[in-house]
């Protein structure tokens, strides 16, 4: 199954320009790797004063986590909807993302979790190496609680 932008936008809450990921390159039950080109788009809704700060990599990572959850759900292992509750140990190795020439490689790896939460690590990289990364806690089925 090809997992492109149309599938992604149909399965996560982020629509229109706010859907930042273009495709899933690979995934399994623990990990997902996505590709994004939206960091170069002048209409990226996360831009501030014409630039895309590196801290926006957290949103790219969170969207990869959401896509991972949607893919697991489609395979019969539902996580349910959730929200980003916290980020920890965030590493910003660049000032901005919009000046990165090539695509971004956005990786999220599930570290553990229970019925009501999941822990992930995430990384946003380019050909030159990691631009940002960290860990995130996602609370699941928050609307139903």
N, C-alpha and C. Protein backbone atom coordinates (compact mmCIF):
# COMPACT_ATOMS: atom_id res chain seq x y z
N UNK A 1 0.84 -1.18 0.00
CA UNK A 1 0.00 0.00 0.00
C UNK A 1 0.89 1.24 0.00
N UNK A 2 0.69 2.14 -0.98
CA UNK A 2 1.42 3.40 -1.00
C UNK A 2 0.78 4.34 0.00
N UNK A 3 1.58 4.92 0.83
CA UNK A 3 1.09 5.85 1.84
C UNK A 3 1.62 7.23 1.49
N UNK A 4 0.82 7.96 0.72
CA UNK A 4 1.18 9.30 0.29
C UNK A 4 0.41 10.36 1.05
N UNK A 5 0.57 11.58 0.62
CA UNK A 5 -0.03 12.73 1.31
C UNK A 5 -1.55 12.62 1.40
N UNK A 6 -2.21 12.15 0.35
CA UNK A 6 -3.67 12.05 0.39
C UNK A 6 -4.13 11.10 1.49
N UNK A 7 -3.46 9.94 1.61
CA UNK A 7 -3.81 8.98 2.67
C UNK A 7 -3.54 9.60 4.04
N UNK A 8 -2.38 10.23 4.17
CA UNK A 8 -2.02 10.84 5.44
C UNK A 8 -3.07 11.87 5.85
N UNK A 9 -3.42 12.78 4.95
CA UNK A 9 -4.38 13.84 5.27
C UNK A 9 -5.76 13.28 5.61
N UNK A 10 -6.09 12.14 5.04
CA UNK A 10 -7.39 11.53 5.31
C UNK A 10 -7.44 10.81 6.65
N UNK A 11 -6.28 10.56 7.27
CA UNK A 11 -6.24 9.75 8.48
C UNK A 11 -5.69 10.45 9.72
N UNK A 12 -5.29 11.70 9.59
CA UNK A 12 -4.86 12.46 10.76
C UNK A 12 -5.68 13.74 10.82
N UNK A 13 -5.75 14.39 11.96
CA UNK A 13 -6.57 15.60 12.08
C UNK A 13 -6.05 16.79 11.29
N UNK A 14 -4.82 16.78 10.87
CA UNK A 14 -4.20 17.93 10.21
C UNK A 14 -4.59 17.97 8.74
N UNK A 15 -5.21 19.07 8.33
CA UNK A 15 -5.71 19.19 6.97
C UNK A 15 -5.05 20.35 6.24
N UNK A 16 -5.21 20.36 4.93
CA UNK A 16 -4.69 21.45 4.12
C UNK A 16 -3.20 21.62 4.31
N UNK A 17 -2.77 22.87 4.37
CA UNK A 17 -1.34 23.16 4.51
C UNK A 17 -0.78 22.68 5.84
N UNK A 18 -1.65 22.43 6.83
CA UNK A 18 -1.18 21.98 8.14
C UNK A 18 -0.75 20.51 8.12
N UNK A 19 -1.13 19.76 7.09
CA UNK A 19 -0.62 18.39 6.92
C UNK A 19 0.78 18.52 6.34
N UNK A 20 1.79 18.29 7.17
CA UNK A 20 3.18 18.61 6.82
C UNK A 20 3.93 17.48 6.14
N UNK A 21 3.45 16.26 6.23
CA UNK A 21 4.18 15.10 5.71
C UNK A 21 3.70 14.73 4.31
N UNK A 22 4.64 14.31 3.45
CA UNK A 22 4.30 13.97 2.07
C UNK A 22 4.14 12.49 1.82
N UNK A 23 4.90 11.67 2.51
CA UNK A 23 4.76 10.23 2.31
C UNK A 23 5.45 9.46 3.43
N UNK A 24 5.02 8.21 3.55
CA UNK A 24 5.66 7.28 4.48
C UNK A 24 6.66 6.46 3.67
N UNK A 25 7.90 6.48 4.09
CA UNK A 25 8.95 5.72 3.40
C UNK A 25 9.00 4.28 3.88
N UNK A 26 8.82 4.08 5.18
CA UNK A 26 8.82 2.74 5.77
C UNK A 26 8.16 2.80 7.13
N UNK A 27 7.63 1.66 7.56
CA UNK A 27 7.05 1.60 8.89
C UNK A 27 6.86 0.15 9.31
N UNK A 28 6.83 -0.05 10.62
CA UNK A 28 6.47 -1.34 11.21
C UNK A 28 5.77 -1.04 12.53
N UNK A 29 5.57 -2.04 13.35
CA UNK A 29 4.80 -1.86 14.58
C UNK A 29 5.46 -0.89 15.58
N UNK A 30 6.75 -0.67 15.47
CA UNK A 30 7.46 0.20 16.43
C UNK A 30 7.91 1.53 15.85
N UNK A 31 8.07 1.62 14.54
CA UNK A 31 8.79 2.76 13.97
C UNK A 31 8.16 3.19 12.66
N UNK A 32 8.27 4.49 12.36
CA UNK A 32 7.83 5.03 11.08
C UNK A 32 8.87 6.04 10.60
N UNK A 33 9.07 6.06 9.29
CA UNK A 33 9.96 7.04 8.66
C UNK A 33 9.16 7.72 7.55
N UNK A 34 9.07 9.04 7.62
CA UNK A 34 8.30 9.82 6.65
C UNK A 34 9.21 10.82 5.94
N UNK A 35 8.72 11.32 4.82
CA UNK A 35 9.42 12.35 4.05
C UNK A 35 8.54 13.58 4.01
N UNK A 36 9.17 14.75 4.15
CA UNK A 36 8.44 16.01 4.11
C UNK A 36 9.18 17.02 3.24
N UNK A 37 8.41 17.76 2.47
CA UNK A 37 8.94 18.86 1.65
C UNK A 37 8.36 20.20 2.07
N UNK A 38 7.38 20.19 2.96
CA UNK A 38 6.64 21.40 3.33
C UNK A 38 7.49 22.46 4.01
N UNK A 39 8.65 22.08 4.51
CA UNK A 39 9.52 23.06 5.18
C UNK A 39 10.00 24.14 4.21
N UNK A 40 9.98 23.86 2.91
CA UNK A 40 10.42 24.82 1.90
C UNK A 40 9.28 25.69 1.37
N UNK A 41 8.06 25.35 1.72
CA UNK A 41 6.88 26.04 1.20
C UNK A 41 6.71 27.39 1.89
N UNK A 42 6.72 28.49 1.13
CA UNK A 42 6.52 29.81 1.75
C UNK A 42 5.17 29.95 2.44
N UNK A 43 4.20 29.09 2.07
CA UNK A 43 2.87 29.14 2.70
C UNK A 43 2.74 28.20 3.90
N UNK A 44 3.84 27.61 4.34
CA UNK A 44 3.79 26.73 5.52
C UNK A 44 3.20 27.53 6.68
N UNK A 45 2.11 27.03 7.28
CA UNK A 45 1.42 27.79 8.34
C UNK A 45 2.22 27.95 9.63
N UNK A 46 3.32 27.24 9.77
CA UNK A 46 4.14 27.36 10.97
C UNK A 46 5.22 28.43 10.85
N UNK A 47 5.34 29.03 9.68
CA UNK A 47 6.36 30.07 9.49
C UNK A 47 6.09 31.28 10.37
N UNK A 48 7.17 31.86 10.86
CA UNK A 48 7.12 33.07 11.67
C UNK A 48 8.05 34.08 11.00
N UNK A 49 7.51 35.23 10.62
CA UNK A 49 8.30 36.27 9.95
C UNK A 49 9.09 35.70 8.76
N UNK A 50 8.44 34.81 8.02
CA UNK A 50 9.04 34.28 6.80
C UNK A 50 9.99 33.11 6.99
N UNK A 51 10.24 32.69 8.23
CA UNK A 51 11.14 31.56 8.47
C UNK A 51 10.42 30.46 9.24
N UNK A 52 10.97 29.27 9.16
CA UNK A 52 10.42 28.13 9.88
C UNK A 52 11.41 27.73 10.98
N UNK A 53 11.13 28.13 12.23
CA UNK A 53 12.06 27.83 13.32
C UNK A 53 12.24 26.33 13.52
N UNK A 54 13.42 25.94 13.96
CA UNK A 54 13.72 24.52 14.16
C UNK A 54 12.80 23.88 15.19
N UNK A 55 12.26 24.64 16.12
CA UNK A 55 11.34 24.08 17.12
C UNK A 55 10.09 23.49 16.45
N UNK A 56 9.79 23.89 15.23
CA UNK A 56 8.65 23.33 14.50
C UNK A 56 8.87 21.86 14.15
N UNK A 57 10.09 21.38 14.30
CA UNK A 57 10.38 19.96 14.08
C UNK A 57 9.55 19.10 15.04
N UNK A 58 9.19 19.65 16.18
CA UNK A 58 8.35 18.90 17.13
C UNK A 58 7.02 18.55 16.47
N UNK A 59 6.43 19.49 15.74
CA UNK A 59 5.16 19.23 15.06
C UNK A 59 5.34 18.18 13.96
N UNK A 60 6.45 18.24 13.24
CA UNK A 60 6.72 17.20 12.23
C UNK A 60 6.79 15.83 12.89
N UNK A 61 7.48 15.74 14.01
CA UNK A 61 7.56 14.47 14.74
C UNK A 61 6.21 14.02 15.24
N UNK A 62 5.41 14.95 15.76
CA UNK A 62 4.08 14.61 16.27
C UNK A 62 3.18 14.09 15.15
N UNK A 63 3.30 14.68 13.97
CA UNK A 63 2.49 14.19 12.86
C UNK A 63 2.93 12.79 12.43
N UNK A 64 4.21 12.51 12.49
CA UNK A 64 4.68 11.15 12.18
C UNK A 64 4.10 10.16 13.19
N UNK A 65 4.03 10.55 14.46
CA UNK A 65 3.42 9.69 15.48
C UNK A 65 1.94 9.46 15.16
N UNK A 66 1.24 10.50 14.74
CA UNK A 66 -0.18 10.37 14.40
C UNK A 66 -0.38 9.44 13.21
N UNK A 67 0.49 9.56 12.21
CA UNK A 67 0.40 8.68 11.04
C UNK A 67 0.69 7.24 11.46
N UNK A 68 1.67 7.05 12.33
CA UNK A 68 1.99 5.71 12.83
C UNK A 68 0.77 5.10 13.51
N UNK A 69 0.11 5.88 14.37
CA UNK A 69 -1.09 5.40 15.03
C UNK A 69 -2.19 5.06 14.05
N UNK A 70 -2.36 5.87 13.01
CA UNK A 70 -3.39 5.60 11.99
C UNK A 70 -3.07 4.33 11.21
N UNK A 71 -1.81 4.11 10.91
CA UNK A 71 -1.42 2.89 10.21
C UNK A 71 -1.65 1.65 11.08
N UNK A 72 -1.31 1.74 12.35
CA UNK A 72 -1.56 0.62 13.26
C UNK A 72 -3.06 0.36 13.37
N UNK A 73 -3.84 1.42 13.44
CA UNK A 73 -5.29 1.29 13.51
C UNK A 73 -5.82 0.58 12.26
N UNK A 74 -5.30 0.95 11.09
CA UNK A 74 -5.72 0.32 9.84
C UNK A 74 -5.34 -1.16 9.78
N UNK A 75 -4.34 -1.56 10.55
CA UNK A 75 -3.90 -2.96 10.60
C UNK A 75 -4.57 -3.74 11.72
N UNK A 76 -5.50 -3.11 12.42
CA UNK A 76 -6.24 -3.80 13.47
C UNK A 76 -5.62 -3.70 14.85
N UNK A 77 -4.68 -2.79 15.05
CA UNK A 77 -4.07 -2.59 16.36
C UNK A 77 -4.31 -1.15 16.80
N UNK A 78 -5.57 -0.81 17.09
CA UNK A 78 -5.92 0.60 17.33
C UNK A 78 -5.27 1.19 18.58
N UNK A 79 -4.75 2.39 18.41
CA UNK A 79 -4.26 3.16 19.54
C UNK A 79 -5.29 4.19 19.96
N UNK A 80 -6.15 4.58 19.04
CA UNK A 80 -7.11 5.64 19.31
C UNK A 80 -6.49 7.00 19.07
N UNK A 81 -7.32 8.01 19.02
CA UNK A 81 -6.83 9.38 18.84
C UNK A 81 -6.17 9.85 20.13
N UNK A 82 -5.31 10.81 19.99
CA UNK A 82 -4.64 11.31 21.18
C UNK A 82 -4.16 12.73 20.98
N UNK A 83 -3.46 13.22 21.98
CA UNK A 83 -2.85 14.54 21.85
C UNK A 83 -1.47 14.52 22.48
N UNK A 84 -0.64 15.40 21.97
CA UNK A 84 0.72 15.53 22.47
C UNK A 84 0.66 16.15 23.86
N UNK A 85 1.08 15.41 24.87
CA UNK A 85 0.99 15.87 26.25
C UNK A 85 2.27 16.56 26.71
N UNK A 86 3.42 16.05 26.27
CA UNK A 86 4.68 16.66 26.67
C UNK A 86 5.79 16.23 25.73
N UNK A 87 6.84 17.05 25.69
CA UNK A 87 8.07 16.69 24.99
C UNK A 87 9.22 16.85 25.98
N UNK A 88 10.20 16.00 25.84
CA UNK A 88 11.35 15.99 26.74
C UNK A 88 12.63 15.83 25.94
N UNK A 89 13.72 16.23 26.54
CA UNK A 89 15.06 16.05 25.96
C UNK A 89 15.13 16.50 24.51
N UNK A 90 14.49 17.64 24.21
CA UNK A 90 14.49 18.15 22.84
C UNK A 90 15.87 18.68 22.49
N UNK A 91 16.36 18.26 21.32
CA UNK A 91 17.64 18.70 20.78
C UNK A 91 17.38 19.50 19.52
N UNK A 92 17.80 20.75 19.49
CA UNK A 92 17.70 21.56 18.28
C UNK A 92 19.12 21.80 17.78
N UNK A 93 19.43 21.24 16.64
CA UNK A 93 20.80 21.33 16.10
C UNK A 93 20.87 22.31 14.94
N UNK A 94 19.81 23.06 14.73
CA UNK A 94 19.75 24.08 13.68
C UNK A 94 18.88 25.21 14.22
N UNK A 95 18.99 26.36 13.60
CA UNK A 95 18.13 27.48 13.99
C UNK A 95 16.80 27.45 13.27
N UNK A 96 16.82 26.95 12.01
CA UNK A 96 15.62 26.95 11.20
C UNK A 96 15.59 25.76 10.26
N UNK A 97 14.40 25.47 9.73
CA UNK A 97 14.22 24.33 8.83
C UNK A 97 14.04 24.77 7.38
N UNK A 98 13.55 25.97 7.14
CA UNK A 98 13.22 26.40 5.79
C UNK A 98 14.44 26.57 4.88
N UNK A 99 15.62 26.65 5.45
CA UNK A 99 16.81 26.78 4.61
C UNK A 99 17.48 25.44 4.30
N UNK A 100 16.85 24.34 4.68
CA UNK A 100 17.34 23.00 4.34
C UNK A 100 16.90 22.71 2.90
N UNK A 101 17.86 22.43 2.03
CA UNK A 101 17.57 22.26 0.61
C UNK A 101 16.75 21.03 0.28
N UNK A 102 17.13 19.89 0.79
CA UNK A 102 16.47 18.63 0.42
C UNK A 102 15.30 18.31 1.32
N UNK A 103 14.72 17.12 1.12
CA UNK A 103 13.59 16.71 1.96
C UNK A 103 14.01 16.45 3.39
N UNK A 104 13.03 16.55 4.28
CA UNK A 104 13.23 16.17 5.67
C UNK A 104 12.87 14.70 5.83
N UNK A 105 13.64 14.02 6.64
CA UNK A 105 13.35 12.62 7.00
C UNK A 105 12.89 12.65 8.45
N UNK A 106 11.62 12.32 8.65
CA UNK A 106 10.99 12.42 9.97
C UNK A 106 10.75 11.00 10.49
N UNK A 107 11.38 10.69 11.61
CA UNK A 107 11.31 9.35 12.19
C UNK A 107 10.66 9.43 13.57
N UNK A 108 9.78 8.48 13.85
CA UNK A 108 9.20 8.34 15.20
C UNK A 108 9.27 6.87 15.57
N UNK A 109 9.72 6.61 16.79
CA UNK A 109 9.82 5.23 17.28
C UNK A 109 9.09 5.10 18.60
N UNK A 110 8.20 4.13 18.65
CA UNK A 110 7.44 3.88 19.87
C UNK A 110 8.35 3.23 20.90
N UNK A 111 8.46 3.86 22.06
CA UNK A 111 9.33 3.36 23.12
C UNK A 111 8.57 2.51 24.13
N UNK A 112 7.28 2.74 24.24
CA UNK A 112 6.46 2.00 25.20
C UNK A 112 5.13 2.68 25.38
N UNK A 113 4.36 2.17 26.30
CA UNK A 113 3.07 2.78 26.57
C UNK A 113 2.09 1.81 27.19
N UNK A 114 0.92 2.33 27.49
CA UNK A 114 -0.17 1.58 28.09
C UNK A 114 -1.43 1.88 27.28
N UNK A 115 -2.58 1.51 27.84
CA UNK A 115 -3.85 1.75 27.16
C UNK A 115 -4.12 3.24 26.92
N UNK A 116 -3.67 4.09 27.82
CA UNK A 116 -4.03 5.50 27.75
C UNK A 116 -2.90 6.44 27.33
N UNK A 117 -1.72 5.90 27.07
CA UNK A 117 -0.63 6.78 26.63
C UNK A 117 0.44 5.98 25.87
N UNK A 118 1.19 6.71 25.07
CA UNK A 118 2.29 6.11 24.30
C UNK A 118 3.49 7.05 24.41
N UNK A 119 4.67 6.48 24.51
CA UNK A 119 5.91 7.26 24.52
C UNK A 119 6.64 7.02 23.21
N UNK A 120 7.10 8.09 22.59
CA UNK A 120 7.83 8.01 21.33
C UNK A 120 9.13 8.79 21.44
N UNK A 121 10.11 8.39 20.65
CA UNK A 121 11.24 9.26 20.35
C UNK A 121 11.00 9.75 18.92
N UNK A 122 11.54 10.91 18.60
CA UNK A 122 11.39 11.42 17.25
C UNK A 122 12.67 12.11 16.81
N UNK A 123 12.86 12.16 15.50
CA UNK A 123 14.02 12.80 14.92
C UNK A 123 13.62 13.40 13.58
N UNK A 124 14.12 14.59 13.31
CA UNK A 124 13.95 15.24 12.01
C UNK A 124 15.35 15.48 11.48
N UNK A 125 15.62 14.94 10.29
CA UNK A 125 16.97 14.99 9.74
C UNK A 125 16.93 15.38 8.27
N UNK A 126 18.10 15.74 7.76
CA UNK A 126 18.30 15.98 6.34
C UNK A 126 19.55 15.20 5.94
N UNK A 127 19.98 15.35 4.71
CA UNK A 127 21.17 14.62 4.27
C UNK A 127 22.41 14.91 5.13
N UNK A 128 22.47 16.12 5.70
CA UNK A 128 23.63 16.51 6.50
C UNK A 128 23.58 15.96 7.92
N UNK A 129 22.44 15.41 8.35
CA UNK A 129 22.33 14.85 9.70
C UNK A 129 21.10 15.35 10.43
N UNK A 130 21.04 15.03 11.71
CA UNK A 130 19.88 15.38 12.51
C UNK A 130 19.77 16.89 12.71
N UNK A 131 18.56 17.40 12.54
CA UNK A 131 18.26 18.81 12.77
C UNK A 131 17.62 19.02 14.15
N UNK A 132 16.82 18.04 14.57
CA UNK A 132 16.13 18.13 15.85
C UNK A 132 15.66 16.74 16.25
N UNK A 133 15.41 16.57 17.53
CA UNK A 133 14.90 15.30 18.02
C UNK A 133 14.51 15.42 19.47
N UNK A 134 13.97 14.34 20.00
CA UNK A 134 13.57 14.33 21.40
C UNK A 134 12.64 13.16 21.69
N UNK A 135 11.93 13.28 22.79
CA UNK A 135 10.93 12.27 23.20
C UNK A 135 9.60 12.98 23.40
N UNK A 136 8.52 12.22 23.21
CA UNK A 136 7.19 12.80 23.38
C UNK A 136 6.26 11.81 24.05
N UNK A 137 5.37 12.34 24.87
CA UNK A 137 4.30 11.54 25.47
C UNK A 137 2.99 11.93 24.80
N UNK A 138 2.24 10.92 24.38
CA UNK A 138 0.95 11.13 23.73
C UNK A 138 -0.11 10.47 24.61
N UNK A 139 -1.13 11.24 25.00
CA UNK A 139 -2.26 10.73 25.76
C UNK A 139 -3.30 10.28 24.74
N UNK A 140 -3.77 9.03 24.88
CA UNK A 140 -4.69 8.44 23.91
C UNK A 140 -6.15 8.57 24.34
N UNK A 141 -7.01 8.66 23.34
CA UNK A 141 -8.45 8.74 23.57
C UNK A 141 -8.81 9.82 24.58
N UNK A 142 -8.13 10.94 24.48
CA UNK A 142 -8.33 12.01 25.44
C UNK A 142 -9.76 12.54 25.42
N UNK A 143 -10.40 12.56 24.24
CA UNK A 143 -11.76 13.10 24.14
C UNK A 143 -12.76 12.21 24.86
N UNK A 144 -12.45 10.92 24.96
CA UNK A 144 -13.37 9.98 25.59
C UNK A 144 -13.22 9.88 27.09
N UNK A 145 -12.33 10.61 27.67
CA UNK A 145 -12.08 10.51 29.11
C UNK A 145 -12.68 11.67 29.86
